[in-house]
N, C-alpha and C. Protein backbone atom coordinates (compact mmCIF):
# COMPACT_ATOMS: atom_id res chain seq x y z
N MET A 1 -17.89 -26.41 -10.73
CA MET A 1 -17.42 -25.47 -9.73
C MET A 1 -15.95 -25.70 -9.44
N VAL A 2 -15.55 -26.94 -9.36
CA VAL A 2 -14.15 -27.25 -9.06
C VAL A 2 -13.25 -26.84 -10.22
N THR A 3 -13.78 -26.86 -11.42
CA THR A 3 -12.98 -26.49 -12.58
C THR A 3 -13.08 -25.01 -12.90
N LEU A 4 -14.27 -24.45 -12.78
CA LEU A 4 -14.47 -23.06 -13.21
C LEU A 4 -13.92 -22.04 -12.23
N ALA A 5 -14.03 -22.29 -10.93
CA ALA A 5 -13.56 -21.31 -9.95
C ALA A 5 -12.05 -21.07 -10.04
N PRO A 6 -11.22 -22.12 -10.07
CA PRO A 6 -9.77 -21.85 -10.23
C PRO A 6 -9.43 -21.19 -11.56
N LEU A 7 -10.16 -21.55 -12.61
CA LEU A 7 -9.90 -20.92 -13.90
C LEU A 7 -10.24 -19.43 -13.85
N GLY A 8 -11.36 -19.09 -13.23
CA GLY A 8 -11.73 -17.68 -13.10
C GLY A 8 -10.76 -16.91 -12.24
N ILE A 9 -10.34 -17.51 -11.14
CA ILE A 9 -9.39 -16.83 -10.26
C ILE A 9 -8.05 -16.65 -10.96
N SER A 10 -7.63 -17.64 -11.75
CA SER A 10 -6.34 -17.53 -12.44
C SER A 10 -6.36 -16.45 -13.52
N ILE A 11 -7.54 -16.07 -13.98
CA ILE A 11 -7.64 -14.99 -14.97
C ILE A 11 -7.84 -13.64 -14.29
N VAL A 12 -8.69 -13.60 -13.27
CA VAL A 12 -9.07 -12.33 -12.65
C VAL A 12 -7.95 -11.78 -11.75
N TYR A 13 -7.33 -12.62 -10.95
CA TYR A 13 -6.34 -12.14 -9.98
C TYR A 13 -5.16 -11.43 -10.64
N PRO A 14 -4.50 -12.02 -11.65
CA PRO A 14 -3.39 -11.28 -12.28
C PRO A 14 -3.83 -9.99 -12.96
N SER A 15 -5.03 -9.99 -13.53
CA SER A 15 -5.49 -8.76 -14.17
C SER A 15 -5.77 -7.67 -13.14
N LEU A 16 -6.26 -8.04 -11.96
CA LEU A 16 -6.47 -7.04 -10.91
C LEU A 16 -5.14 -6.48 -10.40
N VAL A 17 -4.17 -7.36 -10.22
CA VAL A 17 -2.85 -6.89 -9.78
C VAL A 17 -2.24 -5.98 -10.83
N LEU A 18 -2.36 -6.35 -12.10
CA LEU A 18 -1.82 -5.52 -13.17
C LEU A 18 -2.57 -4.19 -13.25
N GLY A 19 -3.89 -4.22 -13.03
CA GLY A 19 -4.66 -2.99 -13.03
C GLY A 19 -4.23 -2.04 -11.93
N VAL A 20 -4.01 -2.58 -10.74
CA VAL A 20 -3.54 -1.74 -9.63
C VAL A 20 -2.16 -1.17 -9.95
N LYS A 21 -1.32 -1.99 -10.55
CA LYS A 21 0.04 -1.54 -10.87
C LYS A 21 0.05 -0.47 -11.95
N LYS A 22 -0.74 -0.65 -12.99
CA LYS A 22 -0.70 0.27 -14.12
C LYS A 22 -1.55 1.52 -13.92
N LEU A 23 -2.62 1.44 -13.14
CA LEU A 23 -3.56 2.55 -13.05
C LEU A 23 -3.37 3.44 -11.83
N THR A 24 -2.35 3.18 -11.04
CA THR A 24 -2.06 4.04 -9.89
C THR A 24 -0.73 4.76 -10.12
N LYS A 25 -0.65 5.93 -9.52
CA LYS A 25 0.61 6.68 -9.61
C LYS A 25 1.65 6.04 -8.71
N GLU A 26 2.88 6.36 -8.97
CA GLU A 26 4.01 5.73 -8.26
C GLU A 26 3.94 5.93 -6.74
N ASP A 27 3.56 7.12 -6.31
CA ASP A 27 3.54 7.39 -4.87
C ASP A 27 2.30 6.81 -4.17
N ALA A 28 1.25 6.50 -4.91
CA ALA A 28 0.03 5.94 -4.31
C ALA A 28 -0.05 4.42 -4.45
N ARG A 29 0.93 3.81 -5.08
CA ARG A 29 0.88 2.37 -5.32
C ARG A 29 0.89 1.52 -4.05
N PRO A 30 1.68 1.85 -3.03
CA PRO A 30 1.62 1.03 -1.80
C PRO A 30 0.24 1.05 -1.13
N GLN A 31 -0.40 2.21 -1.12
CA GLN A 31 -1.73 2.28 -0.53
C GLN A 31 -2.74 1.49 -1.38
N ALA A 32 -2.61 1.53 -2.69
CA ALA A 32 -3.52 0.80 -3.56
C ALA A 32 -3.39 -0.70 -3.35
N PHE A 33 -2.16 -1.21 -3.25
CA PHE A 33 -1.97 -2.63 -2.99
C PHE A 33 -2.47 -3.01 -1.60
N SER A 34 -2.31 -2.13 -0.64
CA SER A 34 -2.82 -2.41 0.70
C SER A 34 -4.34 -2.52 0.70
N ILE A 35 -5.01 -1.62 0.00
CA ILE A 35 -6.47 -1.69 -0.08
C ILE A 35 -6.90 -2.94 -0.84
N PHE A 36 -6.18 -3.28 -1.91
CA PHE A 36 -6.49 -4.47 -2.69
C PHE A 36 -6.38 -5.73 -1.85
N TYR A 37 -5.28 -5.91 -1.16
CA TYR A 37 -5.10 -7.11 -0.35
C TYR A 37 -6.02 -7.10 0.87
N GLY A 38 -6.30 -5.93 1.42
CA GLY A 38 -7.25 -5.85 2.52
C GLY A 38 -8.64 -6.28 2.09
N ALA A 39 -9.05 -5.88 0.89
CA ALA A 39 -10.35 -6.30 0.36
C ALA A 39 -10.37 -7.80 0.12
N MET A 40 -9.26 -8.37 -0.34
CA MET A 40 -9.21 -9.82 -0.54
C MET A 40 -9.35 -10.56 0.79
N ILE A 41 -8.66 -10.10 1.81
CA ILE A 41 -8.73 -10.76 3.11
C ILE A 41 -10.13 -10.60 3.71
N LEU A 42 -10.69 -9.42 3.60
CA LEU A 42 -12.05 -9.20 4.11
C LEU A 42 -13.06 -10.08 3.38
N GLY A 43 -12.92 -10.23 2.08
CA GLY A 43 -13.79 -11.11 1.32
C GLY A 43 -13.64 -12.56 1.74
N ALA A 44 -12.43 -13.00 2.04
CA ALA A 44 -12.23 -14.37 2.49
C ALA A 44 -12.81 -14.60 3.88
N VAL A 45 -12.68 -13.62 4.75
CA VAL A 45 -13.21 -13.75 6.11
C VAL A 45 -14.73 -13.75 6.11
N ILE A 46 -15.33 -12.91 5.30
CA ILE A 46 -16.80 -12.83 5.25
C ILE A 46 -17.39 -13.92 4.36
N GLY A 47 -16.70 -14.26 3.28
CA GLY A 47 -17.22 -15.23 2.32
C GLY A 47 -17.36 -16.63 2.87
N GLY A 48 -16.42 -17.07 3.68
CA GLY A 48 -16.48 -18.42 4.24
C GLY A 48 -17.73 -18.68 5.08
N PRO A 49 -18.00 -17.84 6.08
CA PRO A 49 -19.23 -18.04 6.85
C PRO A 49 -20.50 -17.88 6.02
N CYS A 50 -20.49 -17.00 5.03
CA CYS A 50 -21.69 -16.84 4.18
C CYS A 50 -21.97 -18.12 3.40
N VAL A 51 -20.93 -18.73 2.86
CA VAL A 51 -21.11 -19.98 2.13
C VAL A 51 -21.60 -21.07 3.07
N ASP A 52 -21.04 -21.15 4.27
CA ASP A 52 -21.51 -22.14 5.24
C ASP A 52 -22.96 -21.92 5.62
N LEU A 53 -23.35 -20.67 5.80
CA LEU A 53 -24.73 -20.36 6.15
C LEU A 53 -25.69 -20.79 5.05
N ILE A 54 -25.34 -20.51 3.82
CA ILE A 54 -26.19 -20.89 2.71
C ILE A 54 -26.25 -22.40 2.56
N ARG A 55 -25.10 -23.06 2.73
CA ARG A 55 -25.05 -24.50 2.53
C ARG A 55 -25.71 -25.27 3.66
N LEU A 56 -25.50 -24.86 4.89
CA LEU A 56 -26.00 -25.62 6.03
C LEU A 56 -27.43 -25.27 6.41
N LYS A 57 -27.84 -24.04 6.24
CA LYS A 57 -29.19 -23.63 6.62
C LYS A 57 -30.19 -23.82 5.49
N LYS A 58 -29.73 -24.23 4.35
CA LYS A 58 -30.58 -24.51 3.19
C LYS A 58 -31.38 -23.29 2.74
N TYR A 59 -30.74 -22.13 2.72
CA TYR A 59 -31.39 -20.93 2.21
C TYR A 59 -31.41 -20.89 0.69
N ASN A 60 -30.82 -21.87 0.07
CA ASN A 60 -30.74 -21.86 -1.37
C ASN A 60 -31.84 -22.67 -2.03
N THR A 61 -32.88 -23.05 -1.30
CA THR A 61 -33.97 -23.81 -1.90
C THR A 61 -34.99 -22.86 -2.52
N PHE A 62 -35.65 -23.31 -3.52
CA PHE A 62 -36.71 -22.55 -4.15
C PHE A 62 -37.77 -23.53 -4.65
N ASN A 63 -38.97 -23.05 -4.79
CA ASN A 63 -40.06 -23.87 -5.27
C ASN A 63 -40.24 -23.65 -6.76
N TYR A 64 -40.31 -24.73 -7.47
CA TYR A 64 -40.49 -24.66 -8.91
C TYR A 64 -41.80 -25.35 -9.26
N SER A 65 -42.65 -24.66 -9.94
CA SER A 65 -43.89 -25.29 -10.39
C SER A 65 -44.06 -25.01 -11.88
N HIS A 66 -44.52 -26.03 -12.55
CA HIS A 66 -44.70 -25.93 -13.99
C HIS A 66 -46.02 -26.56 -14.36
N LYS A 67 -46.76 -25.86 -15.16
CA LYS A 67 -48.04 -26.38 -15.62
C LYS A 67 -48.00 -26.49 -17.13
N ASN A 68 -48.18 -27.70 -17.60
CA ASN A 68 -48.20 -27.92 -19.03
C ASN A 68 -49.57 -27.53 -19.57
N GLU A 69 -49.60 -26.64 -20.51
CA GLU A 69 -50.86 -26.14 -21.06
C GLU A 69 -51.61 -27.21 -21.85
N GLU A 70 -50.91 -28.13 -22.46
CA GLU A 70 -51.58 -29.14 -23.28
C GLU A 70 -52.17 -30.28 -22.46
N THR A 71 -51.43 -30.74 -21.45
CA THR A 71 -51.89 -31.91 -20.70
C THR A 71 -52.51 -31.54 -19.37
N GLY A 72 -52.38 -30.32 -18.94
CA GLY A 72 -52.97 -29.91 -17.67
C GLY A 72 -52.07 -30.18 -16.56
């Protein structure tokens, strides 16, 4: 997680900025960047408490059962 998350962000973030820059018209570019950065801030504000909720309340547990057909 410590290695993969920064690697993913370093690939995804520049491509999103380039996508906003190349795929919007000149007059709509400021609004597109505003929506892009607003979505990033909203994701950071909502994502932090969600991660804390999952980590602290232990909602990430699951029951695993396995039955070996040969040995019972």
